[in-house]
C-alpha atoms as a PDB file:
ATOM      1  CA  MET A   1     -36.971 -46.174  38.858  1.00  0.00           C
ATOM      2  CA  LYS A   2     -38.621 -49.553  39.000  1.00  0.00           C
ATOM      3  CA  PHE A   3     -39.333 -51.512  42.162  1.00  0.00           C
ATOM      4  CA  LYS A   4     -39.181 -55.250  42.492  1.00  0.00           C
ATOM      5  CA  SER A   5     -41.085 -57.546  44.835  1.00  0.00           C
ATOM      6  CA  ILE A   6     -38.401 -59.831  46.249  1.00  0.00           C
ATOM      7  CA  LEU A   7     -39.670 -61.288  49.523  1.00  0.00           C
ATOM      8  CA  CYS A   8     -42.744 -63.467  49.338  1.00  0.00           C
ATOM      9  CA  THR A   9     -44.651 -65.845  51.550  1.00  0.00           C
ATOM     10  CA  SER A  10     -47.544 -68.085  50.653  1.00  0.00           C
ATOM     11  CA  VAL A  11     -49.933 -65.266  51.515  1.00  0.00           C
ATOM     12  CA  PHE A  12     -48.346 -62.000  50.469  1.00  0.00           C
ATOM     13  CA  CYS A  13     -45.289 -60.208  49.136  1.00  0.00           C
ATOM     14  CA  PHE A  14     -43.237 -57.377  50.557  1.00  0.00           C
ATOM     15  CA  ALA A  15     -42.075 -54.750  48.048  1.00  0.00           C
ATOM     16  CA  ILE A  16     -38.758 -53.034  48.785  1.00  0.00           C
ATOM     17  CA  TYR A  17     -36.650 -50.613  46.824  1.00  0.00           C
ATOM     18  CA  SER A  18     -34.229 -52.338  44.523  1.00  0.00           C
ATOM     19  CA  CYS A  19     -32.576 -52.151  41.178  1.00  0.00           C
ATOM     20  CA  LYS A  20     -34.656 -54.445  39.018  1.00  0.00           C
ATOM     21  CA  THR A  21     -32.647 -57.318  37.595  1.00  0.00           C
ATOM     22  CA  GLN A  22     -33.995 -57.941  34.125  1.00  0.00           C
ATOM     23  CA  THR A  23     -34.892 -61.557  33.353  1.00  0.00           C
ATOM     24  CA  THR A  24     -36.825 -61.232  30.133  1.00  0.00           C
ATOM     25  CA  LYS A  25     -38.619 -64.378  29.049  1.00  0.00           C
ATOM     26  CA  THR A  26     -41.432 -64.865  26.572  1.00  0.00           C
ATOM     27  CA  VAL A  27     -43.164 -61.658  25.542  1.00  0.00           C
ATOM     28  CA  THR A  28     -45.812 -60.828  22.964  1.00  0.00           C
ATOM     29  CA  LYS A  29     -44.253 -58.864  20.121  1.00  0.00           C
ATOM     30  CA  VAL A  30     -46.363 -56.505  18.070  1.00  0.00           C
ATOM     31  CA  GLU A  31     -45.628 -57.395  14.443  1.00  0.00           C
ATOM     32  CA  SER A  32     -45.501 -54.690  11.769  1.00  0.00           C
ATOM     33  CA  ASN A  33     -43.377 -52.927   9.183  1.00  0.00           C
ATOM     34  CA  THR A  34     -39.821 -51.793   9.910  1.00  0.00           C
ATOM     35  CA  SER A  35     -39.635 -48.567   7.911  1.00  0.00           C
ATOM     36  CA  VAL A  36     -37.693 -45.575   9.203  1.00  0.00           C
ATOM     37  CA  TYR A  37     -40.045 -42.987  10.682  1.00  0.00           C
ATOM     38  CA  ASP A  38     -39.669 -39.306   9.853  1.00  0.00           C
ATOM     39  CA  ASN A  39     -43.115 -37.807  10.443  1.00  0.00           C
ATOM     40  CA  TYR A  40     -43.069 -37.018  14.153  1.00  0.00           C
ATOM     41  CA  SER A  41     -46.038 -35.415  15.887  1.00  0.00           C
ATOM     42  CA  TYR A  42     -43.776 -33.102  17.870  1.00  0.00           C
ATOM     43  CA  THR A  43     -40.451 -31.288  17.422  1.00  0.00           C
ATOM     44  CA  THR A  44     -37.640 -33.777  17.998  1.00  0.00           C
ATOM     45  CA  ASP A  45     -35.046 -31.049  18.613  1.00  0.00           C
ATOM     46  CA  SER A  46     -37.168 -29.727  21.481  1.00  0.00           C
ATOM     47  CA  LEU A  47     -37.556 -33.206  22.960  1.00  0.00           C
ATOM     48  CA  LEU A  48     -33.790 -33.723  22.992  1.00  0.00           C
ATOM     49  CA  LYS A  49     -33.154 -30.228  24.335  1.00  0.00           C
ATOM     50  CA  HIS A  50     -35.439 -30.868  27.296  1.00  0.00           C
ATOM     51  CA  ILE A  51     -33.950 -34.229  28.246  1.00  0.00           C
ATOM     52  CA  LYS A  52     -30.414 -32.877  27.872  1.00  0.00           C
ATOM     53  CA  THR A  53     -31.214 -29.893  30.076  1.00  0.00           C
ATOM     54  CA  LEU A  54     -33.106 -31.768  32.788  1.00  0.00           C
ATOM     55  CA  SER A  55     -30.349 -34.388  33.045  1.00  0.00           C
ATOM     56  CA  SER A  56     -27.505 -31.876  33.201  1.00  0.00           C
ATOM     57  CA  ASP A  57     -25.356 -31.339  36.291  1.00  0.00           C
ATOM     58  CA  ALA A  58     -27.074 -27.990  36.832  1.00  0.00           C
ATOM     59  CA  PHE A  59     -30.113 -29.852  38.191  1.00  0.00           C
ATOM     60  CA  GLU A  60     -28.007 -31.783  40.730  1.00  0.00           C
ATOM     61  CA  GLY A  61     -29.818 -35.083  40.210  1.00  0.00           C
ATOM     62  CA  ARG A  62     -33.276 -33.643  41.036  1.00  0.00           C
ATOM     63  CA  ARG A  63     -33.572 -35.334  44.434  1.00  0.00           C
ATOM     64  CA  THR A  64     -36.842 -34.572  46.221  1.00  0.00           C
ATOM     65  CA  GLY A  65     -36.613 -31.537  48.479  1.00  0.00           C
ATOM     66  CA  THR A  66     -33.363 -30.175  47.029  1.00  0.00           C
ATOM     67  CA  ALA A  67     -32.524 -27.051  45.069  1.00  0.00           C
ATOM     68  CA  GLY A  68     -32.088 -29.229  41.978  1.00  0.00           C
ATOM     69  CA  ALA A  69     -35.644 -30.568  42.287  1.00  0.00           C
ATOM     70  CA  LEU A  70     -36.959 -27.025  42.739  1.00  0.00           C
ATOM     71  CA  LYS A  71     -35.117 -25.984  39.593  1.00  0.00           C
ATOM     72  CA  ALA A  72     -36.592 -28.926  37.691  1.00  0.00           C
ATOM     73  CA  LYS A  73     -40.096 -28.096  38.909  1.00  0.00           C
ATOM     74  CA  THR A  74     -39.716 -24.495  37.711  1.00  0.00           C
ATOM     75  CA  TYR A  75     -38.349 -25.645  34.351  1.00  0.00           C
ATOM     76  CA  ILE A  76     -41.303 -27.993  33.768  1.00  0.00           C
ATOM     77  CA  ILE A  77     -43.873 -25.353  34.708  1.00  0.00           C
ATOM     78  CA  GLU A  78     -42.280 -22.808  32.370  1.00  0.00           C
ATOM     79  CA  ALA A  79     -42.211 -25.339  29.523  1.00  0.00           C
ATOM     80  CA  LEU A  80     -45.896 -26.221  29.988  1.00  0.00           C
ATOM     81  CA  ASN A  81     -46.897 -22.585  30.313  1.00  0.00           C
ATOM     82  CA  LYS A  82     -45.128 -21.692  27.042  1.00  0.00           C
ATOM     83  CA  LEU A  83     -47.186 -24.385  25.319  1.00  0.00           C
ATOM     84  CA  ASP A  84     -50.449 -22.955  26.704  1.00  0.00           C
ATOM     85  CA  VAL A  85     -51.011 -25.799  29.149  1.00  0.00           C
ATOM     86  CA  GLY A  86     -52.934 -24.402  32.089  1.00  0.00           C
ATOM     87  CA  PRO A  87     -52.659 -25.574  35.702  1.00  0.00           C
ATOM     88  CA  LEU A  88     -55.010 -28.283  36.921  1.00  0.00           C
ATOM     89  CA  GLY A  89     -56.070 -26.130  39.854  1.00  0.00           C
ATOM     90  CA  ALA A  90     -55.296 -22.586  40.870  1.00  0.00           C
ATOM     91  CA  HIS A  91     -51.578 -23.361  40.515  1.00  0.00           C
ATOM     92  CA  TYR A  92     -49.431 -25.950  38.776  1.00  0.00           C
ATOM     93  CA  GLU A  93     -47.980 -27.147  42.086  1.00  0.00           C
ATOM     94  CA  GLN A  94     -49.520 -29.812  44.294  1.00  0.00           C
ATOM     95  CA  HIS A  95     -47.563 -29.688  47.539  1.00  0.00           C
ATOM     96  CA  PHE A  96     -47.329 -32.556  50.012  1.00  0.00           C
ATOM     97  CA  LYS A  97     -45.126 -33.666  52.876  1.00  0.00           C
ATOM     98  CA  PHE A  98     -43.885 -37.020  54.101  1.00  0.00           C
ATOM     99  CA  ASP A  99     -41.167 -37.970  56.559  1.00  0.00           C
ATOM    100  CA  LYS A 100     -38.600 -35.142  56.376  1.00  0.00           C
ATOM    101  CA  TYR A 101     -39.458 -34.140  52.811  1.00  0.00           C
ATOM    102  CA  ASP A 102     -41.345 -31.225  51.302  1.00  0.00           C
ATOM    103  CA  ALA A 103     -42.378 -32.401  47.864  1.00  0.00           C
ATOM    104  CA  VAL A 104     -44.414 -31.064  44.985  1.00  0.00           C
ATOM    105  CA  ASN A 105     -46.133 -32.541  41.942  1.00  0.00           C
ATOM    106  CA  VAL A 106     -46.532 -30.471  38.776  1.00  0.00           C
ATOM    107  CA  LEU A 107     -50.011 -30.801  37.243  1.00  0.00           C
ATOM    108  CA  GLY A 108     -51.154 -29.316  33.944  1.00  0.00           C
ATOM    109  CA  LEU A 109     -54.520 -29.568  32.220  1.00  0.00           C
ATOM    110  CA  ILE A 110     -55.515 -29.735  28.553  1.00  0.00           C
ATOM    111  CA  LYS A 111     -59.276 -29.484  28.175  1.00  0.00           C
ATOM    112  CA  GLY A 112     -60.813 -32.042  25.840  1.00  0.00           C
ATOM    113  CA  THR A 113     -62.873 -31.175  22.810  1.00  0.00           C
ATOM    114  CA  GLU A 114     -65.868 -33.222  23.969  1.00  0.00           C
ATOM    115  CA  LYS A 115     -66.268 -31.089  27.106  1.00  0.00           C
ATOM    116  CA  ASN A 116     -67.024 -34.058  29.335  1.00  0.00           C
ATOM    117  CA  ASN A 117     -65.868 -34.956  32.826  1.00  0.00           C
ATOM    118  CA  LYS A 118     -63.499 -37.774  31.798  1.00  0.00           C
ATOM    119  CA  TYR A 119     -59.771 -37.391  32.372  1.00  0.00           C
ATOM    120  CA  ILE A 120     -56.729 -39.266  31.088  1.00  0.00           C
ATOM    121  CA  VAL A 121     -53.597 -38.810  33.199  1.00  0.00           C
ATOM    122  CA  ILE A 122     -50.271 -38.957  31.351  1.00  0.00           C
ATOM    123  CA  SER A 123     -47.479 -39.174  33.901  1.00  0.00           C
ATOM    124  CA  ALA A 124     -43.733 -39.307  34.485  1.00  0.00           C
ATOM    125  CA  HIS A 125     -41.617 -38.580  37.556  1.00  0.00           C
ATOM    126  CA  TYR A 126     -39.122 -35.736  37.604  1.00  0.00           C
ATOM    127  CA  ASP A 127     -37.195 -36.649  40.759  1.00  0.00           C
ATOM    128  CA  HIS A 128     -34.075 -38.803  40.803  1.00  0.00           C
ATOM    129  CA  GLU A 129     -31.224 -39.796  43.123  1.00  0.00           C
ATOM    130  CA  GLY A 130     -29.477 -36.456  43.603  1.00  0.00           C
ATOM    131  CA  VAL A 131     -25.789 -36.258  44.544  1.00  0.00           C
ATOM    132  CA  LYS A 132     -24.042 -39.171  46.277  1.00  0.00           C
ATOM    133  CA  ASN A 133     -20.416 -39.172  47.370  1.00  0.00           C
ATOM    134  CA  GLY A 134     -19.784 -36.107  45.255  1.00  0.00           C
ATOM    135  CA  LYS A 135     -21.202 -37.674  42.090  1.00  0.00           C
ATOM    136  CA  VAL A 136     -24.307 -36.344  40.353  1.00  0.00           C
ATOM    137  CA  TYR A 137     -26.902 -38.952  39.423  1.00  0.00           C
ATOM    138  CA  ASN A 138     -28.426 -37.149  36.456  1.00  0.00           C
ATOM    139  CA  GLY A 139     -31.122 -39.707  35.602  1.00  0.00           C
ATOM    140  CA  ALA A 140     -31.374 -39.028  31.878  1.00  0.00           C
ATOM    141  CA  ASP A 141     -33.317 -42.214  31.181  1.00  0.00           C
ATOM    142  CA  ASP A 142     -34.727 -42.345  34.717  1.00  0.00           C
ATOM    143  CA  ASP A 143     -36.791 -40.268  34.246  1.00  0.00           C
ATOM    144  CA  ALA A 144     -35.877 -37.089  32.427  1.00  0.00           C
ATOM    145  CA  SER A 145     -36.908 -39.107  29.379  1.00  0.00           C
ATOM    146  CA  GLY A 146     -40.498 -39.423  30.579  1.00  0.00           C
ATOM    147  CA  VAL A 147     -40.799 -35.793  31.666  1.00  0.00           C
ATOM    148  CA  SER A 148     -39.449 -34.522  28.358  1.00  0.00           C
ATOM    149  CA  ALA A 149     -41.997 -36.750  26.626  1.00  0.00           C
ATOM    150  CA  LEU A 150     -44.732 -35.040  28.678  1.00  0.00           C
ATOM    151  CA  ILE A 151     -43.593 -31.719  27.244  1.00  0.00           C
ATOM    152  CA  ALA A 152     -43.644 -33.228  23.733  1.00  0.00           C
ATOM    153  CA  PHE A 153     -47.245 -34.309  24.344  1.00  0.00           C
ATOM    154  CA  ALA A 154     -48.072 -30.761  25.412  1.00  0.00           C
ATOM    155  CA  GLU A 155     -46.594 -29.453  22.169  1.00  0.00           C
ATOM    156  CA  HIS A 156     -48.685 -31.891  20.133  1.00  0.00           C
ATOM    157  CA  PHE A 157     -51.883 -31.049  22.014  1.00  0.00           C
ATOM    158  CA  LYS A 158     -51.451 -27.326  21.349  1.00  0.00           C
ATOM    159  CA  LYS A 159     -52.388 -27.890  17.702  1.00  0.00           C
ATOM    160  CA  ASN A 160     -54.181 -31.226  18.118  1.00  0.00           C
ATOM    161  CA  PRO A 161     -56.392 -31.081  21.220  1.00  0.00           C
ATOM    162  CA  PRO A 162     -57.494 -34.452  22.600  1.00  0.00           C
ATOM    163  CA  LYS A 163     -61.070 -35.645  22.912  1.00  0.00           C
ATOM    164  CA  HIS A 164     -60.711 -36.405  26.621  1.00  0.00           C
ATOM    165  CA  ASN A 165     -59.484 -33.963  29.212  1.00  0.00           C
ATOM    166  CA  VAL A 166     -55.799 -34.702  29.775  1.00  0.00           C
ATOM    167  CA  ILE A 167     -53.827 -34.125  32.964  1.00  0.00           C
ATOM    168  CA  LEU A 168     -50.074 -33.943  32.406  1.00  0.00           C
ATOM    169  CA  ALA A 169     -48.569 -35.042  35.718  1.00  0.00           C
ATOM    170  CA  ALA A 170     -44.890 -34.690  36.585  1.00  0.00           C
ATOM    171  CA  PHE A 171     -44.736 -36.554  39.876  1.00  0.00           C
ATOM    172  CA  ASP A 172     -42.230 -35.978  42.659  1.00  0.00           C
ATOM    173  CA  ALA A 173     -40.750 -38.560  45.056  1.00  0.00           C
ATOM    174  CA  GLU A 174     -41.168 -41.644  42.892  1.00  0.00           C
ATOM    175  CA  GLU A 175     -37.702 -42.759  43.943  1.00  0.00           C
ATOM    176  CA  LEU A 176     -38.786 -42.549  47.577  1.00  0.00           C
ATOM    177  CA  GLY A 177     -41.737 -44.897  47.249  1.00  0.00           C
ATOM    178  CA  LEU A 178     -44.070 -43.495  44.563  1.00  0.00           C
ATOM    179  CA  LYS A 179     -45.131 -40.837  47.072  1.00  0.00           C
ATOM    180  CA  GLY A 180     -46.206 -38.211  44.553  1.00  0.00           C
ATOM    181  CA  ALA A 181     -48.458 -40.551  42.617  1.00  0.00           C
ATOM    182  CA  TYR A 182     -50.106 -41.912  45.757  1.00  0.00           C
ATOM    183  CA  HIS A 183     -50.727 -38.390  47.039  1.00  0.00           C
ATOM    184  CA  PHE A 184     -52.227 -37.398  43.702  1.00  0.00           C
ATOM    185  CA  VAL A 185     -54.622 -40.339  43.593  1.00  0.00           C
ATOM    186  CA  LYS A 186     -55.710 -39.919  47.227  1.00  0.00           C
ATOM    187  CA  ASP A 187     -56.175 -36.137  47.077  1.00  0.00           C
ATOM    188  CA  ASN A 188     -59.825 -35.180  47.647  1.00  0.00           C
ATOM    189  CA  THR A 189     -59.826 -32.717  44.764  1.00  0.00           C
ATOM    190  CA  ILE A 190     -58.492 -35.329  42.377  1.00  0.00           C
ATOM    191  CA  GLN A 191     -61.013 -37.916  43.531  1.00  0.00           C
ATOM    192  CA  GLN A 192     -63.803 -35.654  42.370  1.00  0.00           C
ATOM    193  CA  ARG A 193     -62.543 -36.024  38.801  1.00  0.00           C
ATOM    194  CA  ASN A 194     -63.452 -39.019  36.649  1.00  0.00           C
ATOM    195  CA  ILE A 195     -60.030 -40.450  35.797  1.00  0.00           C
ATOM    196  CA  VAL A 196     -60.516 -43.184  33.216  1.00  0.00           C
ATOM    197  CA  LEU A 197     -56.916 -44.013  32.300  1.00  0.00           C
ATOM    198  CA  ASN A 198     -53.292 -43.495  33.317  1.00  0.00           C
ATOM    199  CA  LEU A 199     -50.441 -43.719  30.811  1.00  0.00           C
ATOM    200  CA  ASN A 200     -47.179 -43.732  32.751  1.00  0.00           C
ATOM    201  CA  MET A 201     -43.717 -43.270  31.225  1.00  0.00           C
ATOM    202  CA  ASP A 202     -40.626 -44.223  33.226  1.00  0.00           C
ATOM    203  CA  MET A 203     -37.351 -44.969  31.376  1.00  0.00           C
ATOM    204  CA  ILE A 204     -38.105 -44.816  27.647  1.00  0.00           C
ATOM    205  CA  SER A 205     -34.921 -43.487  26.004  1.00  0.00           C
ATOM    206  CA  ARG A 206     -32.644 -46.501  25.433  1.00  0.00           C
ATOM    207  CA  SER A 207     -32.766 -50.225  24.871  1.00  0.00           C
ATOM    208  CA  ASP A 208     -30.039 -52.536  23.609  1.00  0.00           C
ATOM    209  CA  LYS A 209     -32.747 -54.632  21.948  1.00  0.00           C
ATOM    210  CA  ASN A 210     -34.871 -51.659  20.803  1.00  0.00           C
ATOM    211  CA  GLU A 211     -37.713 -52.907  23.006  1.00  0.00           C
ATOM    212  CA  LEU A 212     -40.382 -50.678  24.528  1.00  0.00           C
ATOM    213  CA  PHE A 213     -42.677 -52.570  26.885  1.00  0.00           C
ATOM    214  CA  ALA A 214     -46.355 -51.840  27.446  1.00  0.00           C
ATOM    215  CA  VAL A 215     -47.594 -53.213  30.770  1.00  0.00           C
ATOM    216  CA  GLY A 216     -51.157 -53.374  32.055  1.00  0.00           C
ATOM    217  CA  SER A 217     -53.461 -54.711  29.347  1.00  0.00           C
ATOM    218  CA  ARG A 218     -53.615 -58.037  31.174  1.00  0.00           C
ATOM    219  CA  TYR A 219     -55.743 -56.339  33.819  1.00  0.00           C
ATOM    220  CA  TYR A 220     -57.733 -54.106  31.482  1.00  0.00           C
ATOM    221  CA  PRO A 221     -58.559 -56.096  28.313  1.00  0.00           C
ATOM    222  CA  LYS A 222     -60.236 -53.121  26.655  1.00  0.00           C
ATOM    223  CA  LEU A 223     -56.781 -51.546  26.356  1.00  0.00           C
ATOM    224  CA  LYS A 224     -55.137 -54.552  24.700  1.00  0.00           C
ATOM    225  CA  PRO A 225     -56.286 -54.210  21.050  1.00  0.00           C
ATOM    226  CA  ALA A 226     -54.611 -50.821  20.651  1.00  0.00           C
ATOM    227  CA  ILE A 227     -51.291 -52.466  21.490  1.00  0.00           C
ATOM    228  CA  ASP A 228     -51.904 -55.776  19.695  1.00  0.00           C
ATOM    229  CA  ASN A 229     -52.855 -53.993  16.478  1.00  0.00           C
ATOM    230  CA  TYR A 230     -50.222 -51.297  16.662  1.00  0.00           C
ATOM    231  CA  LYS A 231     -48.214 -50.809  13.462  1.00  0.00           C
ATOM    232  CA  LYS A 232     -44.564 -50.316  14.355  1.00  0.00           C
ATOM    233  CA  ILE A 233     -42.875 -47.115  13.304  1.00  0.00           C
ATOM    234  CA  GLY A 234     -39.154 -46.493  13.374  1.00  0.00           C
ATOM    235  CA  LYS A 235     -36.775 -48.200  15.748  1.00  0.00           C
ATOM    236  CA  ALA A 236     -38.899 -48.862  18.837  1.00  0.00           C
ATOM    237  CA  ASN A 237     -40.462 -52.333  18.991  1.00  0.00           C
ATOM    238  CA  LEU A 238     -43.605 -52.244  21.121  1.00  0.00           C
ATOM    239  CA  LEU A 239     -43.975 -55.365  23.278  1.00  0.00           C
ATOM    240  CA  ILE A 240     -46.541 -56.636  25.744  1.00  0.00           C
ATOM    241  CA  GLY A 241     -44.863 -58.204  28.753  1.00  0.00           C
ATOM    242  CA  HIS A 242     -43.803 -58.031  32.402  1.00  0.00           C
ATOM    243  CA  GLU A 243     -47.358 -58.559  33.596  1.00  0.00           C
ATOM    244  CA  GLY A 244     -46.748 -61.446  35.970  1.00  0.00           C
ATOM    245  CA  LEU A 245     -47.453 -64.190  33.447  1.00  0.00           C
ATOM    246  CA  GLY A 246     -43.986 -65.717  33.257  1.00  0.00           C
ATOM    247  CA  ASP A 247     -42.934 -62.996  30.850  1.00  0.00           C
ATOM    248  CA  GLY A 248     -40.057 -61.564  32.886  1.00  0.00           C
ATOM    249  CA  ASP A 249     -40.099 -59.543  36.105  1.00  0.00           C
ATOM    250  CA  ASN A 250     -43.551 -58.269  37.013  1.00  0.00           C
ATOM    251  CA  TRP A 251     -43.676 -54.486  36.568  1.00  0.00           C
ATOM    252  CA  THR A 252     -47.303 -54.070  37.628  1.00  0.00           C
ATOM    253  CA  TYR A 253     -46.274 -52.109  40.726  1.00  0.00           C
ATOM    254  CA  SER A 254     -42.873 -50.916  39.506  1.00  0.00           C
ATOM    255  CA  SER A 255     -43.555 -47.188  39.104  1.00  0.00           C
ATOM    256  CA  ASP A 256     -46.181 -44.482  39.582  1.00  0.00           C
ATOM    257  CA  HIS A 257     -48.882 -46.406  37.715  1.00  0.00           C
ATOM    258  CA  ALA A 258     -49.168 -48.637  40.794  1.00  0.00           C
ATOM    259  CA  ALA A 259     -51.079 -45.907  42.620  1.00  0.00           C
ATOM    260  CA  PHE A 260     -53.697 -45.836  39.873  1.00  0.00           C
ATOM    261  CA  HIS A 261     -53.946 -49.615  39.592  1.00  0.00           C
ATOM    262  CA  LYS A 262     -54.515 -49.953  43.337  1.00  0.00           C
ATOM    263  CA  ALA A 263     -57.322 -47.408  43.011  1.00  0.00           C
ATOM    264  CA  LYS A 264     -58.834 -49.550  40.213  1.00  0.00           C
ATOM    265  CA  ILE A 265     -58.001 -46.967  37.561  1.00  0.00           C
ATOM    266  CA  PRO A 266     -56.891 -48.591  34.273  1.00  0.00           C
ATOM    267  CA  PHE A 267     -53.267 -48.014  33.306  1.00  0.00           C
ATOM    268  CA  ILE A 268     -50.632 -48.757  30.720  1.00  0.00           C
ATOM    269  CA  TYR A 269     -47.005 -48.366  31.738  1.00  0.00           C
ATOM    270  CA  PHE A 270     -44.354 -47.757  29.076  1.00  0.00           C
ATOM    271  CA  GLY A 271     -40.732 -48.539  29.921  1.00  0.00           C
ATOM    272  CA  VAL A 272     -37.554 -50.351  28.960  1.00  0.00           C
ATOM    273  CA  ALA A 273     -35.447 -53.018  30.628  1.00  0.00           C
ATOM    274  CA  ASP A 274     -32.730 -51.995  33.056  1.00  0.00           C
ATOM    275  CA  HIS A 275     -29.358 -51.145  31.540  1.00  0.00           C
ATOM    276  CA  GLU A 276     -25.782 -50.828  32.750  1.00  0.00           C
ATOM    277  CA  ASP A 277     -26.262 -47.190  33.824  1.00  0.00           C
ATOM    278  CA  TYR A 278     -29.479 -47.746  35.791  1.00  0.00           C
ATOM    279  CA  HIS A 279     -29.283 -45.831  39.090  1.00  0.00           C
ATOM    280  CA  LYS A 280     -25.663 -44.934  38.447  1.00  0.00           C
ATOM    281  CA  PRO A 281     -24.017 -41.536  37.931  1.00  0.00           C
ATOM    282  CA  THR A 282     -23.442 -42.560  34.307  1.00  0.00           C
ATOM    283  CA  ASP A 283     -27.142 -42.331  33.377  1.00  0.00           C
ATOM    284  CA  ASP A 284     -26.372 -39.248  31.272  1.00  0.00           C
ATOM    285  CA  PHE A 285     -27.788 -37.691  28.116  1.00  0.00           C
ATOM    286  CA  GLU A 286     -24.819 -38.950  26.119  1.00  0.00           C
ATOM    287  CA  ARG A 287     -25.851 -42.533  26.886  1.00  0.00           C
ATOM    288  CA  ILE A 288     -29.393 -42.408  25.522  1.00  0.00           C
ATOM    289  CA  ASP A 289     -30.307 -43.633  22.038  1.00  0.00           C
ATOM    290  CA  THR A 290     -31.793 -40.505  20.466  1.00  0.00           C
ATOM    291  CA  VAL A 291     -33.429 -42.306  17.529  1.00  0.00           C
ATOM    292  CA  PHE A 292     -34.977 -45.001  19.717  1.00  0.00           C
ATOM    293  CA  TYR A 293     -36.142 -42.327  22.156  1.00  0.00           C
ATOM    294  CA  GLN A 294     -37.811 -40.212  19.488  1.00  0.00           C
ATOM    295  CA  ASP A 295     -39.544 -43.287  18.077  1.00  0.00           C
ATOM    296  CA  ALA A 296     -40.607 -44.458  21.542  1.00  0.00           C
ATOM    297  CA  VAL A 297     -42.235 -41.108  22.285  1.00  0.00           C
ATOM    298  CA  GLU A 298     -44.024 -41.159  18.925  1.00  0.00           C
ATOM    299  CA  THR A 299     -45.159 -44.720  19.603  1.00  0.00           C
ATOM    300  CA  ILE A 300     -46.663 -43.772  22.965  1.00  0.00           C
ATOM    301  CA  LEU A 301     -48.344 -40.741  21.443  1.00  0.00           C
ATOM    302  CA  GLN A 302     -49.901 -42.838  18.677  1.00  0.00           C
ATOM    303  CA  VAL A 303     -51.168 -45.386  21.226  1.00  0.00           C
ATOM    304  CA  PHE A 304     -52.638 -42.514  23.223  1.00  0.00           C
ATOM    305  CA  LYS A 305     -54.561 -41.377  20.145  1.00  0.00           C
ATOM    306  CA  GLN A 306     -56.172 -44.804  19.889  1.00  0.00           C
ATOM    307  CA  TYR A 307     -57.239 -44.713  23.534  1.00  0.00           C
ATOM    308  CA  ASP A 308     -58.482 -41.128  23.180  1.00  0.00           C
ATOM    309  CA  ALA A 309     -60.785 -42.298  20.389  1.00  0.00           C
ATOM    310  CA  LEU A 310     -62.391 -44.934  22.629  1.00  0.00           C
ATOM    311  CA  GLU A 311     -65.346 -44.527  24.961  1.00  0.00           C
ATOM    312  CA  LEU A 312     -63.382 -45.055  28.155  1.00  0.00           C
END
């Protein structure tokens, strides 16, 4: 889900939950070749299996605190464990409470080859809207797509370990105000770790214009060259935009990356524009663009590799 700031005064803005109305204007397009890509860094069949499963009716829309969310949490942990991703702490679960909800983040750790104390957090949220009026809101794009990409990253790292330590974070309660991400960032144990970057994925599996946006380099110029110089592969066109510079709605605080940005931790958010099934019970697996999705995940993974090679 993305949030939109809609009520402003001359001094400040109030952010409320809303479906983001897309008003794309001028964006910076990363120019490159347009060849079809067929050399993925992960198993595409597994990626599609995970998103199809997590967005099935069996998971009941994955609303925070429900049996469907518990089932999703268990599924993610089992997938990470099978790929030899260990827990960040003693367990994969990071429990927290707010209002009437019992919530839990899922946190895995891949140790970097340089054996330093620097961590990159790759994140996506696994919660969604649940069941409303008897209809299941499966949230295939929002955000089973991001969580399944996390698992694809885990698969890649099994044979290609990163230089930096990497935390794979499947956050809970994003739809209820980015609660999982804020809890993660504020947790005393987490604060003892040197987090140098967050890459957040929220809605990456479909785009009528084949556009994948990268948001955040405006604030962290060191991260911009990796996007500017990126050579396009496949169907997904990587764009810089939605950074509050007259380039469409500002997505700086639209998803879990906001918690990192407010803590002065550099971030890049990857996502697509809203579509006709956004926050509707029709956001199903059958509606995603499988080729675009596969290429988007590969694009994000290749950008990660460039950041991993930097001294962050």
